[in-house]
Amino acid sequence: MKGKMLNNMLVLVATEFDDIYDKGGKPYVLHCLKVMHYLRSEDEELMCIALGHDLIEDRKNVTYQMLREQGFTERVIAGIAALTKVPGETNREYLERIKANPDAILVKLCDLRHNSDIRRLKGVTDKDLKRLQKYNEMYTELKAFIA
């Protein structure tokens, strides 16, 4: 049934990020929803990737096997895997993995766009500015890659 997988991902993300807040003090689930919204896509699998892009990395009890068991497609799992930072991985290795997955590129561009919105922060520090510069460089490289 169309929409079932998206509903399942929404419930999973809302449950897993319950009582988790972003740097600005807002519920973290709003970030996931905003990344999905920025896609402006009707592609259910792509929307699931956007919603779940931080699940494996940020919620240690969520596994790829769990996603399979809950009926998410291999495309969704591969997209989330491409977006999940691996301990010890360099930024270059991470970016190259994203570039190898067209869905991950689209979602990462939306993720970077939302993460770069300084209005989400309570105040801007030098550390924030350095992070924003890194995000901008990654965004620029990904945009050039798909151009």
Foldseek 3Di string as FASTA:
>chain_A
DPPPLLVVLLVVLCVQQPPPADQLRHRPQVLLVQLLVVLVDPPSLLNSLSSCLCVVQPRVVDDLVNSVVVPRDPLSSLLSVLSHDDPPDDPVNSLVSQLVRVSNLSSLLSSLVVLLPCVSHPDADPVSVVVNVVSVVSNVVSVVSVD
